[in-house]
PDB file of N, CA and C in Angstrom:
ATOM      1  N   UNK A   1      98.598  83.491  98.610  1.00  0.00           N
ATOM      2  CA  UNK A   1      97.981  84.796  98.757  1.00  0.00           C
ATOM      3  C   UNK A   1      96.875  84.719  99.808  1.00  0.00           C
ATOM      4  N   UNK A   2      96.794  85.728 100.624  1.00  0.00           N
ATOM      5  CA  UNK A   2      95.803  85.778 101.703  1.00  0.00           C
ATOM      6  C   UNK A   2      94.533  86.429 101.169  1.00  0.00           C
ATOM      7  N   UNK A   3      93.398  85.800 101.446  1.00  0.00           N
ATOM      8  CA  UNK A   3      92.117  86.330 100.983  1.00  0.00           C
ATOM      9  C   UNK A   3      91.722  87.556 101.798  1.00  0.00           C
ATOM     10  N   UNK A   4      90.757  88.297 101.259  1.00  0.00           N
ATOM     11  CA  UNK A   4      90.253  89.483 101.959  1.00  0.00           C
ATOM     12  C   UNK A   4      89.662  89.075 103.312  1.00  0.00           C
ATOM     13  N   UNK A   5      88.952  87.954 103.356  1.00  0.00           N
ATOM     14  CA  UNK A   5      88.364  87.466 104.600  1.00  0.00           C
ATOM     15  C   UNK A   5      89.462  87.174 105.628  1.00  0.00           C
ATOM     16  N   UNK A   6      90.540  86.522 105.183  1.00  0.00           N
ATOM     17  CA  UNK A   6      91.646  86.208 106.084  1.00  0.00           C
ATOM     18  C   UNK A   6      92.341  87.477 106.568  1.00  0.00           C
ATOM     19  N   UNK A   7      92.464  88.458 105.687  1.00  0.00           N
ATOM     20  CA  UNK A   7      93.083  89.732 106.069  1.00  0.00           C
ATOM     21  C   UNK A   7      92.274  90.397 107.178  1.00  0.00           C
ATOM     22  N   UNK A   8      90.961  90.360 107.051  1.00  0.00           N
ATOM     23  CA  UNK A   8      90.088  90.950 108.081  1.00  0.00           C
ATOM     24  C   UNK A   8      90.279  90.213 109.406  1.00  0.00           C
ATOM     25  N   UNK A   9      90.360  88.883 109.359  1.00  0.00           N
ATOM     26  CA  UNK A   9      90.580  88.113 110.590  1.00  0.00           C
ATOM     27  C   UNK A   9      91.911  88.466 111.240  1.00  0.00           C
ATOM     28  N   UNK A  10      92.960  88.603 110.442  1.00  0.00           N
ATOM     29  CA  UNK A  10      94.274  88.968 110.986  1.00  0.00           C
ATOM     30  C   UNK A  10      94.231  90.354 111.625  1.00  0.00           C
ATOM     31  N   UNK A  11      93.502  91.270 111.011  1.00  0.00           N
ATOM     32  CA  UNK A  11      93.382  92.615 111.574  1.00  0.00           C
ATOM     33  C   UNK A  11      92.606  92.593 112.889  1.00  0.00           C
ATOM     34  N   UNK A  12      91.555  91.794 112.954  1.00  0.00           N
ATOM     35  CA  UNK A  12      90.787  91.675 114.197  1.00  0.00           C
ATOM     36  C   UNK A  12      91.629  91.035 115.293  1.00  0.00           C
ATOM     37  N   UNK A  13      92.388  90.004 114.932  1.00  0.00           N
ATOM     38  CA  UNK A  13      93.268  89.362 115.906  1.00  0.00           C
ATOM     39  C   UNK A  13      94.298  90.368 116.416  1.00  0.00           C
ATOM     40  N   UNK A  14      94.914  91.102 115.506  1.00  0.00           N
ATOM     41  CA  UNK A  14      95.915  92.091 115.890  1.00  0.00           C
ATOM     42  C   UNK A  14      95.360  93.168 116.799  1.00  0.00           C
ATOM     43  N   UNK A  15      94.155  93.650 116.493  1.00  0.00           N
ATOM     44  CA  UNK A  15      93.522  94.666 117.334  1.00  0.00           C
ATOM     45  C   UNK A  15      93.241  94.106 118.726  1.00  0.00           C
ATOM     46  N   UNK A  16      92.868  92.848 118.780  1.00  0.00           N
ATOM     47  CA  UNK A  16      92.609  92.188 120.066  1.00  0.00           C
ATOM     48  C   UNK A  16      93.895  92.084 120.890  1.00  0.00           C
ATOM     49  N   UNK A  17      94.980  91.695 120.242  1.00  0.00           N
ATOM     50  CA  UNK A  17      96.277  91.607 120.935  1.00  0.00           C
ATOM     51  C   UNK A  17      96.672  92.983 121.463  1.00  0.00           C
ATOM     52  N   UNK A  18      96.503  94.008 120.648  1.00  0.00           N
ATOM     53  CA  UNK A  18      96.834  95.371 121.085  1.00  0.00           C
ATOM     54  C   UNK A  18      96.007  95.759 122.313  1.00  0.00           C
ATOM     55  N   UNK A  19      94.703  95.486 122.287  1.00  0.00           N
ATOM     56  CA  UNK A  19      93.852  95.818 123.444  1.00  0.00           C
ATOM     57  C   UNK A  19      94.310  95.073 124.697  1.00  0.00           C
ATOM     58  N   UNK A  20      94.619  93.795 124.539  1.00  0.00           N
ATOM     59  CA  UNK A  20      95.077  93.016 125.696  1.00  0.00           C
ATOM     60  C   UNK A  20      96.378  93.589 126.248  1.00  0.00           C
ATOM     61  N   UNK A  21      97.301  93.949 125.358  1.00  0.00           N
ATOM     62  CA  UNK A  21      98.586  94.526 125.780  1.00  0.00           C
ATOM     63  C   UNK A  21      98.353  95.846 126.502  1.00  0.00           C
ATOM     64  N   UNK A  22      97.531  96.703 125.921  1.00  0.00           N
ATOM     65  CA  UNK A  22      97.268  98.001 126.529  1.00  0.00           C
ATOM     66  C   UNK A  22      96.518  97.860 127.847  1.00  0.00           C
ATOM     67  N   UNK A  23      95.603  96.901 127.923  1.00  0.00           N
ATOM     68  CA  UNK A  23      94.884  96.656 129.186  1.00  0.00           C
ATOM     69  C   UNK A  23      95.835  96.255 130.303  1.00  0.00           C
ATOM     70  N   UNK A  24      96.923  95.582 129.936  1.00  0.00           N
ATOM     71  CA  UNK A  24      97.941  95.178 130.914  1.00  0.00           C
ATOM     72  C   UNK A  24      98.926  96.313 131.199  1.00  0.00           C
ATOM     73  N   UNK A  25      98.792  97.416 130.450  1.00  0.00           N
ATOM     74  CA  UNK A  25      99.686  98.550 130.641  1.00  0.00           C
ATOM     75  C   UNK A  25     101.091  98.312 130.115  1.00  0.00           C
ATOM     76  N   UNK A  26     101.209  97.450 129.103  1.00  0.00           N
ATOM     77  CA  UNK A  26     102.515  97.101 128.556  1.00  0.00           C
ATOM     78  C   UNK A  26     102.803  97.856 127.265  1.00  0.00           C
ATOM     79  N   UNK A  27     104.036  98.299 127.124  1.00  0.00           N
ATOM     80  CA  UNK A  27     104.474  98.855 125.851  1.00  0.00           C
ATOM     81  C   UNK A  27     104.846  97.690 124.933  1.00  0.00           C
ATOM     82  N   UNK A  28     105.039  97.987 123.655  1.00  0.00           N
ATOM     83  CA  UNK A  28     105.506  96.947 122.724  1.00  0.00           C
ATOM     84  C   UNK A  28     106.825  96.351 123.217  1.00  0.00           C
ATOM     85  N   UNK A  29     107.712  97.206 123.666  1.00  0.00           N
ATOM     86  CA  UNK A  29     109.021  96.746 124.135  1.00  0.00           C
ATOM     87  C   UNK A  29     108.888  95.833 125.352  1.00  0.00           C
ATOM     88  N   UNK A  30     108.002  96.193 126.270  1.00  0.00           N
ATOM     89  CA  UNK A  30     107.813  95.374 127.475  1.00  0.00           C
ATOM     90  C   UNK A  30     107.228  94.011 127.129  1.00  0.00           C
ATOM     91  N   UNK A  31     106.246  93.980 126.231  1.00  0.00           N
ATOM     92  CA  UNK A  31     105.692  92.699 125.814  1.00  0.00           C
ATOM     93  C   UNK A  31     106.730  91.894 125.054  1.00  0.00           C
ATOM     94  N   UNK A  32     107.498  92.554 124.232  1.00  0.00           N
ATOM     95  CA  UNK A  32     108.569  91.891 123.481  1.00  0.00           C
ATOM     96  C   UNK A  32     109.530  91.178 124.431  1.00  0.00           C
ATOM     97  N   UNK A  33     109.912  91.869 125.468  1.00  0.00           N
ATOM     98  CA  UNK A  33     110.819  91.289 126.457  1.00  0.00           C
ATOM     99  C   UNK A  33     110.158  90.118 127.190  1.00  0.00           C
ATOM    100  N   UNK A  34     108.887  90.289 127.558  1.00  0.00           N
ATOM    101  CA  UNK A  34     108.174  89.272 128.340  1.00  0.00           C
ATOM    102  C   UNK A  34     107.948  87.978 127.561  1.00  0.00           C
ATOM    103  N   UNK A  35     107.792  88.088 126.251  1.00  0.00           N
ATOM    104  CA  UNK A  35     107.493  86.875 125.481  1.00  0.00           C
ATOM    105  C   UNK A  35     108.593  86.491 124.505  1.00  0.00           C
ATOM    106  N   UNK A  36     109.694  87.234 124.516  1.00  0.00           N
ATOM    107  CA  UNK A  36     110.843  86.932 123.669  1.00  0.00           C
ATOM    108  C   UNK A  36     110.489  86.928 122.176  1.00  0.00           C
ATOM    109  N   UNK A  37     109.703  87.919 121.787  1.00  0.00           N
ATOM    110  CA  UNK A  37     109.363  88.144 120.381  1.00  0.00           C
ATOM    111  C   UNK A  37     109.806  89.559 120.049  1.00  0.00           C
ATOM    112  N   UNK A  38     110.456  89.737 118.918  1.00  0.00           N
ATOM    113  CA  UNK A  38     110.928  91.053 118.505  1.00  0.00           C
ATOM    114  C   UNK A  38     109.758  92.041 118.468  1.00  0.00           C
ATOM    115  N   UNK A  39     109.988  93.252 118.978  1.00  0.00           N
ATOM    116  CA  UNK A  39     108.890  94.213 119.039  1.00  0.00           C
ATOM    117  C   UNK A  39     108.376  94.606 117.658  1.00  0.00           C
ATOM    118  N   UNK A  40     109.212  94.540 116.622  1.00  0.00           N
ATOM    119  CA  UNK A  40     108.715  94.837 115.276  1.00  0.00           C
ATOM    120  C   UNK A  40     107.750  93.749 114.807  1.00  0.00           C
ATOM    121  N   UNK A  41     107.963  92.506 115.221  1.00  0.00           N
ATOM    122  CA  UNK A  41     107.032  91.425 114.875  1.00  0.00           C
ATOM    123  C   UNK A  41     105.707  91.619 115.602  1.00  0.00           C
ATOM    124  N   UNK A  42     105.766  92.014 116.869  1.00  0.00           N
ATOM    125  CA  UNK A  42     104.535  92.266 117.617  1.00  0.00           C
ATOM    126  C   UNK A  42     103.763  93.409 116.957  1.00  0.00           C
ATOM    127  N   UNK A  43     104.460  94.439 116.532  1.00  0.00           N
ATOM    128  CA  UNK A  43     103.819  95.555 115.844  1.00  0.00           C
ATOM    129  C   UNK A  43     103.113  95.071 114.577  1.00  0.00           C
ATOM    130  N   UNK A  44     103.764  94.225 113.812  1.00  0.00           N
ATOM    131  CA  UNK A  44     103.156  93.684 112.588  1.00  0.00           C
ATOM    132  C   UNK A  44     101.946  92.804 112.906  1.00  0.00           C
ATOM    133  N   UNK A  45     102.030  92.048 113.991  1.00  0.00           N
ATOM    134  CA  UNK A  45     100.885  91.236 114.416  1.00  0.00           C
ATOM    135  C   UNK A  45      99.717  92.156 114.744  1.00  0.00           C
ATOM    136  N   UNK A  46      99.978  93.188 115.525  1.00  0.00           N
ATOM    137  CA  UNK A  46      98.921  94.114 115.934  1.00  0.00           C
ATOM    138  C   UNK A  46      98.305  94.852 114.747  1.00  0.00           C
ATOM    139  N   UNK A  47      99.073  95.035 113.703  1.00  0.00           N
ATOM    140  CA  UNK A  47      98.576  95.690 112.494  1.00  0.00           C
ATOM    141  C   UNK A  47      97.868  94.704 111.561  1.00  0.00           C
ATOM    142  N   UNK A  48      97.920  93.428 111.896  1.00  0.00           N
ATOM    143  CA  UNK A  48      97.293  92.414 111.055  1.00  0.00           C
ATOM    144  C   UNK A  48      98.062  92.136 109.785  1.00  0.00           C
ATOM    145  N   UNK A  49      99.367  92.394 109.809  1.00  0.00           N
ATOM    146  CA  UNK A  49     100.187  92.238 108.611  1.00  0.00           C
ATOM    147  C   UNK A  49     100.817  90.865 108.471  1.00  0.00           C
ATOM    148  N   UNK A  50     100.834  90.069 109.552  1.00  0.00           N
ATOM    149  CA  UNK A  50     101.406  88.731 109.459  1.00  0.00           C
ATOM    150  C   UNK A  50     100.506  87.710 110.130  1.00  0.00           C
ATOM    151  N   UNK A  51     100.579  86.498 109.638  1.00  0.00           N
ATOM    152  CA  UNK A  51      99.851  85.372 110.193  1.00  0.00           C
ATOM    153  C   UNK A  51     100.785  84.688 111.192  1.00  0.00           C
ATOM    154  N   UNK A  52     100.321  84.458 112.393  1.00  0.00           N
ATOM    155  CA  UNK A  52     101.173  83.907 113.441  1.00  0.00           C
ATOM    156  C   UNK A  52     101.028  82.392 113.541  1.00  0.00           C
ATOM    157  N   UNK A  53     102.037  81.766 114.112  1.00  0.00           N
ATOM    158  CA  UNK A  53     102.009  80.333 114.350  1.00  0.00           C
ATOM    159  C   UNK A  53     101.445  80.049 115.738  1.00  0.00           C
ATOM    160  N   UNK A  54     101.157  78.805 115.979  1.00  0.00           N
ATOM    161  CA  UNK A  54     100.698  78.383 117.307  1.00  0.00           C
ATOM    162  C   UNK A  54     101.754  78.733 118.345  1.00  0.00           C
ATOM    163  N   UNK A  55     103.008  78.536 118.013  1.00  0.00           N
ATOM    164  CA  UNK A  55     104.087  78.835 118.960  1.00  0.00           C
ATOM    165  C   UNK A  55     104.117  80.317 119.318  1.00  0.00           C
ATOM    166  N   UNK A  56     103.852  81.168 118.342  1.00  0.00           N
ATOM    167  CA  UNK A  56     103.814  82.602 118.610  1.00  0.00           C
ATOM    168  C   UNK A  56     102.640  82.948 119.523  1.00  0.00           C
ATOM    169  N   UNK A  57     101.489  82.329 119.288  1.00  0.00           N
ATOM    170  CA  UNK A  57     100.330  82.554 120.161  1.00  0.00           C
ATOM    171  C   UNK A  57     100.674  82.134 121.588  1.00  0.00           C
ATOM    172  N   UNK A  58     101.353  81.003 121.739  1.00  0.00           N
ATOM    173  CA  UNK A  58     101.738  80.538 123.073  1.00  0.00           C
ATOM    174  C   UNK A  58     102.724  81.500 123.731  1.00  0.00           C
ATOM    175  N   UNK A  59     103.673  82.019 122.953  1.00  0.00           N
ATOM    176  CA  UNK A  59     104.618  83.001 123.499  1.00  0.00           C
ATOM    177  C   UNK A  59     103.908  84.285 123.921  1.00  0.00           C
ATOM    178  N   UNK A  60     102.984  84.755 123.076  1.00  0.00           N
ATOM    179  CA  UNK A  60     102.224  85.959 123.423  1.00  0.00           C
ATOM    180  C   UNK A  60     101.388  85.743 124.676  1.00  0.00           C
ATOM    181  N   UNK A  61     100.754  84.581 124.769  1.00  0.00           N
ATOM    182  CA  UNK A  61      99.924  84.320 125.945  1.00  0.00           C
ATOM    183  C   UNK A  61     100.769  84.286 127.214  1.00  0.00           C
ATOM    184  N   UNK A  62     101.977  83.739 127.122  1.00  0.00           N
ATOM    185  CA  UNK A  62     102.875  83.731 128.280  1.00  0.00           C
ATOM    186  C   UNK A  62     103.275  85.160 128.647  1.00  0.00           C
ATOM    187  N   UNK A  63     103.602  85.965 127.650  1.00  0.00           N
ATOM    188  CA  UNK A  63     104.003  87.348 127.901  1.00  0.00           C
ATOM    189  C   UNK A  63     102.877  88.191 128.462  1.00  0.00           C
ATOM    190  N   UNK A  64     101.655  87.910 128.031  1.00  0.00           N
ATOM    191  CA  UNK A  64     100.498  88.651 128.519  1.00  0.00           C
ATOM    192  C   UNK A  64      99.907  88.047 129.794  1.00  0.00           C
ATOM    193  N   UNK A  65     100.442  86.887 130.178  1.00  0.00           N
ATOM    194  CA  UNK A  65      99.962  86.146 131.348  1.00  0.00           C
ATOM    195  C   UNK A  65      98.463  85.868 131.246  1.00  0.00           C
ATOM    196  N   UNK A  66      98.068  85.391 130.068  1.00  0.00           N
ATOM    197  CA  UNK A  66      96.687  85.019 129.782  1.00  0.00           C
ATOM    198  C   UNK A  66      96.671  83.651 129.112  1.00  0.00           C
ATOM    199  N   UNK A  67      95.594  82.903 129.271  1.00  0.00           N
ATOM    200  CA  UNK A  67      95.519  81.624 128.578  1.00  0.00           C
ATOM    201  C   UNK A  67      95.411  81.845 127.067  1.00  0.00           C
ATOM    202  N   UNK A  68      95.964  80.942 126.274  1.00  0.00           N
ATOM    203  CA  UNK A  68      95.888  81.081 124.816  1.00  0.00           C
ATOM    204  C   UNK A  68      94.458  81.263 124.313  1.00  0.00           C
ATOM    205  N   UNK A  69      93.504  80.631 124.960  1.00  0.00           N
ATOM    206  CA  UNK A  69      92.102  80.763 124.539  1.00  0.00           C
ATOM    207  C   UNK A  69      91.636  82.211 124.591  1.00  0.00           C
ATOM    208  N   UNK A  70      92.153  82.989 125.535  1.00  0.00           N
ATOM    209  CA  UNK A  70      91.786  84.401 125.641  1.00  0.00           C
ATOM    210  C   UNK A  70      92.276  85.168 124.408  1.00  0.00           C
ATOM    211  N   UNK A  71      93.438  84.821 123.923  1.00  0.00           N
ATOM    212  CA  UNK A  71      93.959  85.465 122.732  1.00  0.00           C
ATOM    213  C   UNK A  71      93.133  85.114 121.509  1.00  0.00           C
ATOM    214  N   UNK A  72      92.621  83.895 121.483  1.00  0.00           N
ATOM    215  CA  UNK A  72      91.866  83.416 120.325  1.00  0.00           C
ATOM    216  C   UNK A  72      90.386  83.759 120.400  1.00  0.00           C
ATOM    217  N   UNK A  73      89.967  84.446 121.429  1.00  0.00           N
ATOM    218  CA  UNK A  73      88.550  84.803 121.562  1.00  0.00           C
ATOM    219  C   UNK A  73      88.227  86.118 120.888  1.00  0.00           C
ATOM    220  N   UNK A  74      89.085  86.582 119.995  1.00  0.00           N
ATOM    221  CA  UNK A  74      88.921  87.887 119.367  1.00  0.00           C
ATOM    222  C   UNK A  74      87.653  88.003 118.525  1.00  0.00           C
ATOM    223  N   UNK A  75      87.173  86.944 117.941  1.00  0.00           N
ATOM    224  CA  UNK A  75      85.986  87.038 117.094  1.00  0.00           C
ATOM    225  C   UNK A  75      84.732  87.302 117.917  1.00  0.00           C
ATOM    226  N   UNK A  76      84.730  86.862 119.146  1.00  0.00           N
ATOM    227  CA  UNK A  76      83.569  87.062 120.008  1.00  0.00           C
ATOM    228  C   UNK A  76      83.475  88.507 120.497  1.00  0.00           C
ATOM    229  N   UNK A  77      84.610  89.214 120.517  1.00  0.00           N
ATOM    230  CA  UNK A  77      84.664  90.543 121.137  1.00  0.00           C
ATOM    231  C   UNK A  77      84.660  91.680 120.131  1.00  0.00           C
ATOM    232  N   UNK A  78      84.800  91.375 118.865  1.00  0.00           N
ATOM    233  CA  UNK A  78      84.891  92.441 117.863  1.00  0.00           C
ATOM    234  C   UNK A  78      83.572  92.606 117.157  1.00  0.00           C
TER     235      UNK A  78
END
């Protein structure tokens, strides 16, 4: 079971991913294609509904053309 604290972190991470995607002008479908992740999974990530693996973070960073550290800097920006 995921704690309330962890749920908040997942939501902050998801909001950060959404901002990065929107800043790049990408739709969910376009990011899905760029990183080879199903767009429904990206939607769930952005909603903070799932916990992602390191491999997923690496795929997202490749699709967003950003270093993985940028994706993980969400706590500093929220």
